[in-house]
Amino acid sequence: MEMHTTSYGSEVEWEITSSLGVICEGGHGGVYKSDDVTKVSDCKFGNGQYTLRCIDTYGDGWHGGYLLIHETKHCESFTSGHL
């Protein structure tokens, strides 16, 4: 899993939840740099359903950034608030 940022990377946050609560999360405290790729290795998935919440602390989206999970881009078209 990888977080790909473009501009304003420090505004990017996300979390993945299941019926058990938060499975993993990232970006809190403005840790992502702009125009960067960060590997995420602390997420452990089993069988079941998950919800991905995409968050931008400024509220104007990820500017084309995305979270890559199993070769699928998520939140790339996210443009405001959270998705």
Protein backbone atom coordinates (compact mmCIF):
# COMPACT_ATOMS: atom_id res chain seq x y z
CA MET A 1 0.00 0.00 0.00
CA GLU A 2 1.31 3.46 -0.87
CA MET A 3 0.26 7.07 -0.35
CA HIS A 4 0.99 9.21 -3.43
CA THR A 5 0.81 12.96 -2.86
CA THR A 6 0.93 15.89 -5.25
CA SER A 7 0.66 19.46 -3.94
CA TYR A 8 -0.31 20.21 -0.34
CA GLY A 9 0.67 16.77 0.94
CA SER A 10 0.60 17.98 4.54
CA GLU A 11 -3.20 18.37 4.28
CA VAL A 12 -3.78 14.70 3.36
CA GLU A 13 -5.22 12.26 5.92
CA TRP A 14 -7.04 8.93 5.63
CA GLU A 15 -8.37 6.06 7.71
CA ILE A 16 -9.60 2.54 7.06
CA THR A 17 -12.22 1.09 9.37
CA SER A 18 -14.13 -2.15 9.80
CA SER A 19 -16.84 -3.24 12.19
CA LEU A 20 -14.03 -3.54 14.77
CA GLY A 21 -13.07 0.15 14.46
CA VAL A 22 -10.02 1.82 12.91
CA ILE A 23 -7.73 -0.73 11.22
CA CYS A 24 -5.11 1.79 10.12
CA GLU A 25 -4.72 5.49 9.37
CA GLY A 26 -2.22 7.99 8.06
CA GLY A 27 -1.34 11.62 7.58
CA HIS A 28 -2.36 12.94 10.99
CA GLY A 29 -0.23 15.88 12.04
CA GLY A 30 0.69 16.84 8.46
CA VAL A 31 3.34 14.13 8.03
CA TYR A 32 3.11 13.69 4.24
CA LYS A 33 5.34 15.76 1.96
CA SER A 34 4.15 17.15 -1.36
CA ASP A 35 5.00 15.23 -4.56
CA ASP A 36 6.06 12.13 -2.65
CA VAL A 37 5.33 8.41 -2.27
CA THR A 38 5.10 6.90 1.21
CA LYS A 39 4.86 3.14 1.81
CA VAL A 40 2.24 2.10 4.35
CA SER A 41 2.98 -1.24 5.99
CA ASP A 42 1.00 -1.23 9.24
CA CYS A 43 -2.39 -2.19 7.75
CA LYS A 44 -3.46 -5.79 8.33
CA PHE A 45 -6.51 -6.91 6.34
CA GLY A 46 -8.48 -10.09 6.78
CA ASN A 47 -11.82 -11.18 5.39
CA GLY A 48 -14.64 -8.67 5.70
CA GLN A 49 -15.73 -5.25 4.58
CA TYR A 50 -13.74 -2.07 5.06
CA THR A 51 -14.47 1.62 4.70
CA LEU A 52 -11.85 4.09 3.47
CA ARG A 53 -12.30 7.69 4.58
CA CYS A 54 -10.30 10.29 2.62
CA ILE A 55 -9.76 13.56 4.45
CA ASP A 56 -8.25 16.91 3.50
CA THR A 57 -7.65 19.18 6.46
CA TYR A 58 -8.02 22.32 4.34
CA GLY A 59 -11.12 20.97 2.61
CA ASP A 60 -10.08 21.27 -1.04
CA GLY A 61 -9.25 17.63 -1.84
CA TRP A 62 -6.08 15.73 -2.63
CA HIS A 63 -5.22 17.55 -5.90
CA GLY A 64 -4.81 14.26 -7.79
CA GLY A 65 -3.03 12.43 -4.99
CA TYR A 66 -4.21 8.90 -4.16
CA LEU A 67 -3.89 5.90 -1.89
CA LEU A 68 -2.78 2.80 -3.83
CA ILE A 69 -4.22 -0.43 -2.41
CA HIS A 70 -3.68 -3.71 -4.28
CA GLU A 71 -2.89 -1.85 -7.54
CA THR A 72 -6.10 0.24 -7.32
CA LYS A 73 -6.02 4.02 -6.87
CA HIS A 74 -8.42 5.39 -4.25
CA CYS A 75 -9.47 9.01 -3.62
CA GLU A 76 -7.76 10.31 -6.78
CA SER A 77 -10.85 12.29 -7.81
CA PHE A 78 -11.56 13.49 -4.27
CA THR A 79 -12.01 17.29 -4.45
CA SER A 80 -13.47 18.57 -1.18
CA GLY A 81 -13.94 17.81 2.52
CA HIS A 82 -13.82 14.09 3.04
CA LEU A 83 -14.96 11.16 0.90
